[in-house]
Amino acid sequence: MTIATGDKIPAVTLKIMGAKGPEDISTDTIFKGKKVVMFAVPGAFTPGCTVTHLPGYVVLADKIKAKGVDSIVCLSVNDAFVMGAWGKSQNADELLMVADGNGEFTKAAGLEMDATGFGMGTRSKRYAMIVEDGVVSHLAVEPAGGIEVSAAEAILSKL
């Protein structure tokens, strides 16, 4: 079942790239007591994600945070090394680049997609959500191939 507005974020341990390598980060650490915008992409370094989706959040990070958002999180079913490198290559210093390497969060949220036809295995659907103190207050899941309802501009308008 797909997570919905009013649902609590699943309790999962994810990974981020730290100074000495991959580090654990819990969903509690990310979301508890905070207002967070999280967007997910099917894959780091893929065309739509790199050309359109992530750059929109990089460019609008200040405006999003000015609306009372504590952090902006980019999540993908990739490893922490890839997410760290992708963040650096895109100047995403204001974003938390989170790896859901085993797809645990993605599965628990019911937002997985079958990308085996592209040789990518199970990945995350493209979406964005606004989360307040661990509870989803807005969820925008893209139809296949779309980058509209989860784009930074669209989420900014919902804050």
N, C-alpha and C. Protein backbone atom coordinates (compact mmCIF):
# COMPACT_ATOMS: atom_id res chain seq x y z
N MET A 1 0.84 -1.17 0.00
CA MET A 1 0.00 0.00 0.00
C MET A 1 0.89 1.25 0.00
N THR A 2 0.55 2.20 -0.82
CA THR A 2 1.32 3.43 -0.93
C THR A 2 1.04 4.36 0.23
N ILE A 3 2.10 4.95 0.75
CA ILE A 3 1.98 5.95 1.81
C ILE A 3 1.07 7.08 1.32
N ALA A 4 0.36 7.72 2.22
CA ALA A 4 -0.59 8.78 1.84
C ALA A 4 -0.49 9.94 2.82
N THR A 5 -1.11 11.03 2.43
CA THR A 5 -1.18 12.20 3.31
C THR A 5 -1.79 11.77 4.65
N GLY A 6 -1.15 12.19 5.74
CA GLY A 6 -1.60 11.82 7.07
C GLY A 6 -0.88 10.61 7.64
N ASP A 7 -0.15 9.88 6.81
CA ASP A 7 0.60 8.71 7.28
C ASP A 7 1.94 9.11 7.87
N LYS A 8 2.40 8.28 8.82
CA LYS A 8 3.71 8.47 9.42
C LYS A 8 4.77 7.87 8.50
N ILE A 9 5.91 8.52 8.45
CA ILE A 9 7.05 8.02 7.66
C ILE A 9 7.53 6.70 8.25
N PRO A 10 7.83 5.69 7.41
CA PRO A 10 8.34 4.42 7.93
C PRO A 10 9.67 4.59 8.66
N ALA A 11 9.87 3.82 9.72
CA ALA A 11 11.12 3.84 10.46
C ALA A 11 12.13 2.93 9.76
N VAL A 12 13.13 3.56 9.15
CA VAL A 12 14.13 2.84 8.36
C VAL A 12 15.48 3.51 8.57
N THR A 13 16.55 2.72 8.46
CA THR A 13 17.89 3.28 8.48
C THR A 13 18.37 3.40 7.04
N LEU A 14 18.79 4.61 6.68
CA LEU A 14 19.28 4.91 5.34
C LEU A 14 20.77 5.23 5.44
N LYS A 15 21.37 5.67 4.34
CA LYS A 15 22.79 6.00 4.33
C LYS A 15 23.00 7.38 3.72
N ILE A 16 24.02 8.07 4.25
CA ILE A 16 24.51 9.30 3.64
C ILE A 16 26.03 9.16 3.53
N MET A 17 26.62 9.98 2.68
CA MET A 17 28.07 9.94 2.53
C MET A 17 28.68 10.89 3.55
N GLY A 18 29.48 10.34 4.45
CA GLY A 18 30.17 11.14 5.46
C GLY A 18 31.61 11.39 5.06
N ALA A 19 32.34 12.07 5.90
CA ALA A 19 33.74 12.40 5.62
C ALA A 19 34.61 11.16 5.48
N LYS A 20 34.25 10.09 6.21
CA LYS A 20 35.06 8.87 6.18
C LYS A 20 34.38 7.73 5.43
N GLY A 21 33.27 8.02 4.76
CA GLY A 21 32.55 6.98 4.03
C GLY A 21 31.08 6.97 4.40
N PRO A 22 30.36 5.93 3.98
CA PRO A 22 28.93 5.85 4.25
C PRO A 22 28.62 5.82 5.75
N GLU A 23 27.58 6.57 6.12
CA GLU A 23 27.12 6.62 7.51
C GLU A 23 25.63 6.34 7.56
N ASP A 24 25.20 5.71 8.64
CA ASP A 24 23.77 5.46 8.86
C ASP A 24 23.07 6.76 9.25
N ILE A 25 21.83 6.87 8.79
CA ILE A 25 20.96 7.96 9.23
C ILE A 25 19.54 7.40 9.30
N SER A 26 18.89 7.61 10.41
CA SER A 26 17.54 7.07 10.58
C SER A 26 16.50 8.06 10.06
N THR A 27 15.35 7.54 9.71
CA THR A 27 14.27 8.43 9.30
C THR A 27 13.86 9.33 10.46
N ASP A 28 13.99 8.87 11.69
CA ASP A 28 13.71 9.73 12.85
C ASP A 28 14.63 10.94 12.85
N THR A 29 15.91 10.73 12.60
CA THR A 29 16.88 11.83 12.56
C THR A 29 16.52 12.83 11.47
N ILE A 30 16.07 12.33 10.34
CA ILE A 30 15.73 13.20 9.21
C ILE A 30 14.45 13.99 9.47
N PHE A 31 13.42 13.33 10.01
CA PHE A 31 12.08 13.91 10.04
C PHE A 31 11.53 14.36 11.39
N LYS A 32 11.98 13.77 12.49
CA LYS A 32 11.35 14.05 13.78
C LYS A 32 11.53 15.52 14.18
N GLY A 33 10.40 16.18 14.46
CA GLY A 33 10.41 17.56 14.91
C GLY A 33 10.79 18.57 13.85
N LYS A 34 10.76 18.18 12.59
CA LYS A 34 11.19 19.06 11.51
C LYS A 34 10.16 19.12 10.39
N LYS A 35 10.25 20.16 9.61
CA LYS A 35 9.49 20.27 8.36
C LYS A 35 10.49 19.99 7.24
N VAL A 36 10.20 18.95 6.46
CA VAL A 36 11.13 18.45 5.46
C VAL A 36 10.44 18.32 4.11
N VAL A 37 11.14 18.74 3.08
CA VAL A 37 10.72 18.43 1.71
C VAL A 37 11.63 17.29 1.25
N MET A 38 11.04 16.18 0.86
CA MET A 38 11.82 15.08 0.32
C MET A 38 11.32 14.76 -1.07
N PHE A 39 12.27 14.63 -1.98
CA PHE A 39 11.92 14.18 -3.32
C PHE A 39 12.76 12.96 -3.64
N ALA A 40 12.19 12.07 -4.43
CA ALA A 40 12.88 10.84 -4.79
C ALA A 40 12.96 10.73 -6.30
N VAL A 41 14.06 10.13 -6.73
CA VAL A 41 14.32 9.97 -8.16
C VAL A 41 14.60 8.51 -8.47
N PRO A 42 14.32 8.08 -9.70
CA PRO A 42 14.61 6.70 -10.07
C PRO A 42 16.10 6.37 -10.06
N GLY A 43 16.96 7.34 -10.36
CA GLY A 43 18.39 7.03 -10.36
C GLY A 43 19.27 8.26 -10.49
N ALA A 44 20.29 8.30 -9.65
CA ALA A 44 21.30 9.36 -9.75
C ALA A 44 21.96 9.28 -11.12
N PHE A 45 22.32 10.41 -11.65
CA PHE A 45 23.02 10.56 -12.92
C PHE A 45 22.17 10.17 -14.13
N THR A 46 20.90 9.85 -13.95
CA THR A 46 20.04 9.57 -15.09
C THR A 46 19.57 10.90 -15.68
N PRO A 47 19.19 10.93 -16.95
CA PRO A 47 18.93 12.21 -17.62
C PRO A 47 17.90 13.12 -16.96
N GLY A 48 16.68 12.67 -16.75
CA GLY A 48 15.64 13.53 -16.18
C GLY A 48 15.98 13.97 -14.78
N CYS A 49 16.59 13.10 -14.03
CA CYS A 49 16.94 13.40 -12.64
C CYS A 49 18.06 14.44 -12.57
N THR A 50 19.03 14.33 -13.47
CA THR A 50 20.21 15.20 -13.46
C THR A 50 19.98 16.52 -14.18
N VAL A 51 19.21 16.50 -15.24
CA VAL A 51 19.00 17.71 -16.03
C VAL A 51 17.87 18.58 -15.47
N THR A 52 16.85 17.95 -14.89
CA THR A 52 15.66 18.70 -14.49
C THR A 52 15.34 18.62 -13.00
N HIS A 53 15.16 17.40 -12.48
CA HIS A 53 14.60 17.25 -11.14
C HIS A 53 15.52 17.81 -10.03
N LEU A 54 16.71 17.27 -9.89
CA LEU A 54 17.63 17.74 -8.85
C LEU A 54 18.01 19.21 -9.02
N PRO A 55 18.35 19.67 -10.22
CA PRO A 55 18.72 21.09 -10.36
C PRO A 55 17.64 22.07 -9.90
N GLY A 56 16.39 21.74 -10.08
CA GLY A 56 15.31 22.61 -9.63
C GLY A 56 15.37 22.83 -8.13
N TYR A 57 15.65 21.78 -7.37
CA TYR A 57 15.75 21.90 -5.92
C TYR A 57 17.02 22.63 -5.50
N VAL A 58 18.10 22.45 -6.26
CA VAL A 58 19.34 23.18 -5.96
C VAL A 58 19.11 24.68 -6.14
N VAL A 59 18.50 25.06 -7.24
CA VAL A 59 18.25 26.47 -7.56
C VAL A 59 17.27 27.11 -6.57
N LEU A 60 16.23 26.37 -6.18
CA LEU A 60 15.19 26.94 -5.32
C LEU A 60 15.35 26.62 -3.83
N ALA A 61 16.48 26.06 -3.44
CA ALA A 61 16.68 25.66 -2.05
C ALA A 61 16.44 26.81 -1.07
N ASP A 62 16.96 27.99 -1.36
CA ASP A 62 16.77 29.12 -0.44
C ASP A 62 15.31 29.51 -0.31
N LYS A 63 14.59 29.52 -1.42
CA LYS A 63 13.17 29.89 -1.39
C LYS A 63 12.35 28.84 -0.65
N ILE A 64 12.70 27.57 -0.83
CA ILE A 64 12.00 26.49 -0.13
C ILE A 64 12.26 26.60 1.37
N LYS A 65 13.50 26.80 1.75
CA LYS A 65 13.85 26.91 3.18
C LYS A 65 13.24 28.17 3.80
N ALA A 66 13.07 29.22 3.01
CA ALA A 66 12.45 30.45 3.51
C ALA A 66 10.99 30.24 3.89
N LYS A 67 10.39 29.14 3.44
CA LYS A 67 9.00 28.81 3.79
C LYS A 67 8.92 27.98 5.07
N GLY A 68 10.02 27.94 5.83
CA GLY A 68 10.01 27.21 7.10
C GLY A 68 10.46 25.77 7.00
N VAL A 69 11.05 25.40 5.89
CA VAL A 69 11.53 24.03 5.69
C VAL A 69 12.92 23.90 6.31
N ASP A 70 13.07 22.89 7.18
CA ASP A 70 14.35 22.66 7.85
C ASP A 70 15.38 21.99 6.94
N SER A 71 14.92 21.08 6.10
CA SER A 71 15.85 20.42 5.19
C SER A 71 15.15 19.91 3.94
N ILE A 72 15.96 19.79 2.89
CA ILE A 72 15.51 19.25 1.61
C ILE A 72 16.30 17.97 1.40
N VAL A 73 15.60 16.88 1.20
CA VAL A 73 16.21 15.56 1.08
C VAL A 73 15.97 15.01 -0.31
N CYS A 74 17.03 14.53 -0.92
CA CYS A 74 16.94 13.82 -2.20
C CYS A 74 17.23 12.36 -1.91
N LEU A 75 16.30 11.48 -2.26
CA LEU A 75 16.45 10.04 -2.00
C LEU A 75 16.43 9.27 -3.30
N SER A 76 17.27 8.26 -3.38
CA SER A 76 17.27 7.36 -4.53
C SER A 76 17.71 5.97 -4.09
N VAL A 77 17.26 4.97 -4.83
CA VAL A 77 17.72 3.60 -4.60
C VAL A 77 19.07 3.48 -5.31
N ASN A 78 20.05 4.07 -4.69
CA ASN A 78 21.45 4.03 -5.11
C ASN A 78 22.26 3.90 -3.83
N ASP A 79 23.56 3.68 -3.95
CA ASP A 79 24.40 3.61 -2.76
C ASP A 79 24.89 4.99 -2.35
N ALA A 80 25.43 5.09 -1.14
CA ALA A 80 25.87 6.38 -0.59
C ALA A 80 27.01 6.98 -1.40
N PHE A 81 27.87 6.15 -1.97
CA PHE A 81 28.97 6.67 -2.80
C PHE A 81 28.42 7.40 -4.02
N VAL A 82 27.45 6.79 -4.67
CA VAL A 82 26.84 7.40 -5.85
C VAL A 82 26.09 8.67 -5.48
N MET A 83 25.30 8.62 -4.41
CA MET A 83 24.54 9.81 -4.00
C MET A 83 25.47 10.95 -3.60
N GLY A 84 26.57 10.64 -2.92
CA GLY A 84 27.54 11.65 -2.55
C GLY A 84 28.20 12.29 -3.77
N ALA A 85 28.61 11.45 -4.71
CA ALA A 85 29.25 11.95 -5.94
C ALA A 85 28.27 12.77 -6.78
N TRP A 86 27.03 12.31 -6.86
CA TRP A 86 26.03 13.03 -7.64
C TRP A 86 25.75 14.39 -7.03
N GLY A 87 25.62 14.44 -5.72
CA GLY A 87 25.39 15.71 -5.02
C GLY A 87 26.53 16.69 -5.27
N LYS A 88 27.76 16.21 -5.19
CA LYS A 88 28.92 17.08 -5.44
C LYS A 88 28.92 17.58 -6.88
N SER A 89 28.62 16.70 -7.82
CA SER A 89 28.65 17.08 -9.23
C SER A 89 27.56 18.09 -9.58
N GLN A 90 26.52 18.16 -8.75
CA GLN A 90 25.39 19.05 -9.02
C GLN A 90 25.34 20.25 -8.06
N ASN A 91 26.41 20.44 -7.28
CA ASN A 91 26.47 21.55 -6.31
C ASN A 91 25.27 21.55 -5.37
N ALA A 92 24.89 20.36 -4.92
CA ALA A 92 23.71 20.19 -4.06
C ALA A 92 24.07 20.30 -2.58
N ASP A 93 24.90 21.28 -2.24
CA ASP A 93 25.38 21.44 -0.86
C ASP A 93 24.26 21.70 0.14
N GLU A 94 23.16 22.30 -0.30
CA GLU A 94 22.05 22.64 0.60
C GLU A 94 21.07 21.47 0.78
N LEU A 95 21.31 20.37 0.07
CA LEU A 95 20.43 19.21 0.13
C LEU A 95 21.10 18.06 0.86
N LEU A 96 20.28 17.21 1.47
CA LEU A 96 20.77 15.99 2.09
C LEU A 96 20.56 14.87 1.07
N MET A 97 21.65 14.32 0.58
CA MET A 97 21.60 13.28 -0.44
C MET A 97 21.58 11.92 0.25
N VAL A 98 20.43 11.26 0.19
CA VAL A 98 20.19 10.05 0.98
C VAL A 98 20.10 8.82 0.08
N ALA A 99 20.84 7.80 0.46
CA ALA A 99 20.86 6.54 -0.27
C ALA A 99 19.92 5.53 0.40
N ASP A 100 19.02 4.99 -0.40
CA ASP A 100 18.14 3.89 0.03
C ASP A 100 18.61 2.67 -0.75
N GLY A 101 19.87 2.31 -0.52
CA GLY A 101 20.55 1.29 -1.33
C GLY A 101 19.82 -0.01 -1.51
N ASN A 102 19.16 -0.49 -0.50
CA ASN A 102 18.42 -1.75 -0.59
C ASN A 102 16.93 -1.54 -0.85
N GLY A 103 16.54 -0.29 -1.02
CA GLY A 103 15.15 0.01 -1.31
C GLY A 103 14.20 -0.21 -0.14
N GLU A 104 14.72 -0.24 1.07
CA GLU A 104 13.89 -0.51 2.24
C GLU A 104 12.85 0.58 2.50
N PHE A 105 13.26 1.83 2.44
CA PHE A 105 12.30 2.92 2.63
C PHE A 105 11.29 2.92 1.49
N THR A 106 11.80 2.79 0.28
CA THR A 106 10.96 2.82 -0.91
C THR A 106 9.88 1.74 -0.86
N LYS A 107 10.26 0.53 -0.49
CA LYS A 107 9.28 -0.56 -0.36
C LYS A 107 8.30 -0.30 0.77
N ALA A 108 8.82 0.15 1.93
CA ALA A 108 7.95 0.41 3.09
C ALA A 108 6.93 1.51 2.78
N ALA A 109 7.31 2.45 1.92
CA ALA A 109 6.41 3.54 1.54
C ALA A 109 5.51 3.15 0.36
N GLY A 110 5.74 1.98 -0.22
CA GLY A 110 4.93 1.52 -1.35
C GLY A 110 5.17 2.34 -2.61
N LEU A 111 6.38 2.87 -2.77
CA LEU A 111 6.68 3.74 -3.90
C LEU A 111 7.75 3.16 -4.83
N GLU A 112 7.85 1.81 -4.83
CA GLU A 112 8.81 1.18 -5.70
C GLU A 112 8.26 1.01 -7.12
N MET A 113 9.18 0.91 -8.07
CA MET A 113 8.79 0.64 -9.45
C MET A 113 9.75 -0.38 -10.04
N ASP A 114 9.26 -1.12 -10.99
CA ASP A 114 10.05 -2.13 -11.66
C ASP A 114 10.77 -1.50 -12.85
N ALA A 115 12.07 -1.33 -12.72
CA ALA A 115 12.87 -0.75 -13.81
C ALA A 115 13.78 -1.81 -14.43
N THR A 116 13.40 -3.08 -14.29
CA THR A 116 14.23 -4.15 -14.85
C THR A 116 14.34 -4.07 -16.36
N GLY A 117 13.33 -3.51 -17.01
CA GLY A 117 13.38 -3.34 -18.46
C GLY A 117 14.49 -2.41 -18.90
N PHE A 118 14.93 -1.57 -17.98
CA PHE A 118 16.03 -0.64 -18.26
C PHE A 118 17.35 -1.13 -17.67
N GLY A 119 17.33 -2.36 -17.09
CA GLY A 119 18.52 -2.90 -16.46
C GLY A 119 18.83 -2.27 -15.12
N MET A 120 17.81 -1.69 -14.47
CA MET A 120 18.03 -0.96 -13.21
C MET A 120 17.42 -1.65 -11.99
N GLY A 121 16.77 -2.79 -12.18
CA GLY A 121 16.17 -3.49 -11.04
C GLY A 121 14.98 -2.74 -10.48
N THR A 122 14.76 -2.89 -9.18
CA THR A 122 13.67 -2.18 -8.50
C THR A 122 14.19 -0.83 -8.05
N ARG A 123 13.48 0.21 -8.41
CA ARG A 123 13.87 1.58 -8.08
C ARG A 123 12.70 2.31 -7.45
N SER A 124 12.93 3.57 -7.11
CA SER A 124 11.87 4.41 -6.56
C SER A 124 11.12 5.10 -7.68
N LYS A 125 9.82 5.24 -7.49
CA LYS A 125 9.06 6.12 -8.36
C LYS A 125 9.57 7.54 -8.14
N ARG A 126 9.29 8.42 -9.07
CA ARG A 126 9.62 9.83 -8.91
C ARG A 126 8.47 10.48 -8.14
N TYR A 127 8.80 11.13 -7.04
CA TYR A 127 7.79 11.79 -6.22
C TYR A 127 8.43 12.87 -5.37
N ALA A 128 7.60 13.64 -4.72
CA ALA A 128 8.04 14.59 -3.70
C ALA A 128 7.00 14.60 -2.61
N MET A 129 7.44 14.88 -1.40
CA MET A 129 6.52 14.97 -0.28
C MET A 129 6.96 16.06 0.68
N ILE A 130 5.99 16.59 1.36
CA ILE A 130 6.24 17.51 2.46
C ILE A 130 5.91 16.73 3.72
N VAL A 131 6.84 16.71 4.65
CA VAL A 131 6.69 15.93 5.87
C VAL A 131 6.87 16.86 7.07
N GLU A 132 5.89 16.83 7.96
CA GLU A 132 5.94 17.66 9.16
C GLU A 132 5.95 16.78 10.39
N ASP A 133 7.05 16.83 11.14
CA ASP A 133 7.25 16.01 12.33
C ASP A 133 6.96 14.53 12.05
N GLY A 134 7.47 14.04 10.94
CA GLY A 134 7.35 12.62 10.61
C GLY A 134 6.05 12.19 9.98
N VAL A 135 5.15 13.15 9.68
CA VAL A 135 3.86 12.83 9.08
C VAL A 135 3.75 13.51 7.72
N VAL A 136 3.33 12.77 6.72
CA VAL A 136 3.20 13.30 5.37
C VAL A 136 2.04 14.29 5.31
N SER A 137 2.34 15.53 4.91
CA SER A 137 1.27 16.52 4.77
C SER A 137 0.93 16.78 3.30
N HIS A 138 1.82 16.37 2.39
CA HIS A 138 1.56 16.49 0.96
C HIS A 138 2.39 15.44 0.24
N LEU A 139 1.80 14.74 -0.71
CA LEU A 139 2.50 13.75 -1.51
C LEU A 139 2.13 13.94 -2.97
N ALA A 140 3.16 14.01 -3.82
CA ALA A 140 2.96 14.19 -5.26
C ALA A 140 3.77 13.13 -5.99
N VAL A 141 3.09 12.12 -6.53
CA VAL A 141 3.74 11.03 -7.25
C VAL A 141 3.56 11.27 -8.74
N GLU A 142 4.66 11.19 -9.47
CA GLU A 142 4.63 11.44 -10.91
C GLU A 142 4.10 10.23 -11.68
N PRO A 143 3.36 10.49 -12.76
CA PRO A 143 3.08 9.41 -13.69
C PRO A 143 4.39 9.06 -14.40
N ALA A 144 4.46 7.88 -14.98
CA ALA A 144 5.70 7.45 -15.65
C ALA A 144 6.19 8.51 -16.62
N GLY A 145 7.46 8.87 -16.47
CA GLY A 145 8.09 9.82 -17.38
C GLY A 145 7.89 11.28 -17.04
N GLY A 146 7.07 11.59 -16.06
CA GLY A 146 6.77 12.99 -15.74
C GLY A 146 7.72 13.60 -14.73
N ILE A 147 7.90 14.91 -14.84
CA ILE A 147 8.61 15.69 -13.82
C ILE A 147 7.86 17.01 -13.71
N GLU A 148 6.67 16.94 -13.14
CA GLU A 148 5.85 18.14 -13.00
C GLU A 148 5.36 18.31 -11.57
N VAL A 149 4.55 17.39 -11.07
CA VAL A 149 3.96 17.54 -9.74
C VAL A 149 4.98 17.43 -8.62
N SER A 150 6.13 16.79 -8.91
CA SER A 150 7.18 16.65 -7.90
C SER A 150 8.34 17.63 -8.13
N ALA A 151 8.22 18.47 -9.11
CA ALA A 151 9.27 19.46 -9.40
C ALA A 151 9.36 20.47 -8.26
N ALA A 152 10.51 21.08 -8.10
CA ALA A 152 10.74 22.04 -7.03
C ALA A 152 9.72 23.18 -7.07
N GLU A 153 9.40 23.66 -8.24
CA GLU A 153 8.45 24.77 -8.38
C GLU A 153 7.07 24.37 -7.86
N ALA A 154 6.65 23.14 -8.18
CA ALA A 154 5.33 22.66 -7.75
C ALA A 154 5.29 22.50 -6.23
N ILE A 155 6.36 21.97 -5.65
CA ILE A 155 6.38 21.78 -4.20
C ILE A 155 6.48 23.12 -3.50
N LEU A 156 7.24 24.05 -4.03
CA LEU A 156 7.32 25.39 -3.45
C LEU A 156 5.94 26.02 -3.35
N SER A 157 5.12 25.80 -4.38
CA SER A 157 3.77 26.37 -4.38
C SER A 157 2.85 25.74 -3.34
N LYS A 158 3.21 24.57 -2.81
CA LYS A 158 2.40 23.87 -1.81
C LYS A 158 2.83 24.21 -0.38
N LEU A 159 3.94 24.91 -0.23
CA LEU A 159 4.44 25.23 1.12
C LEU A 159 3.73 26.44 1.71
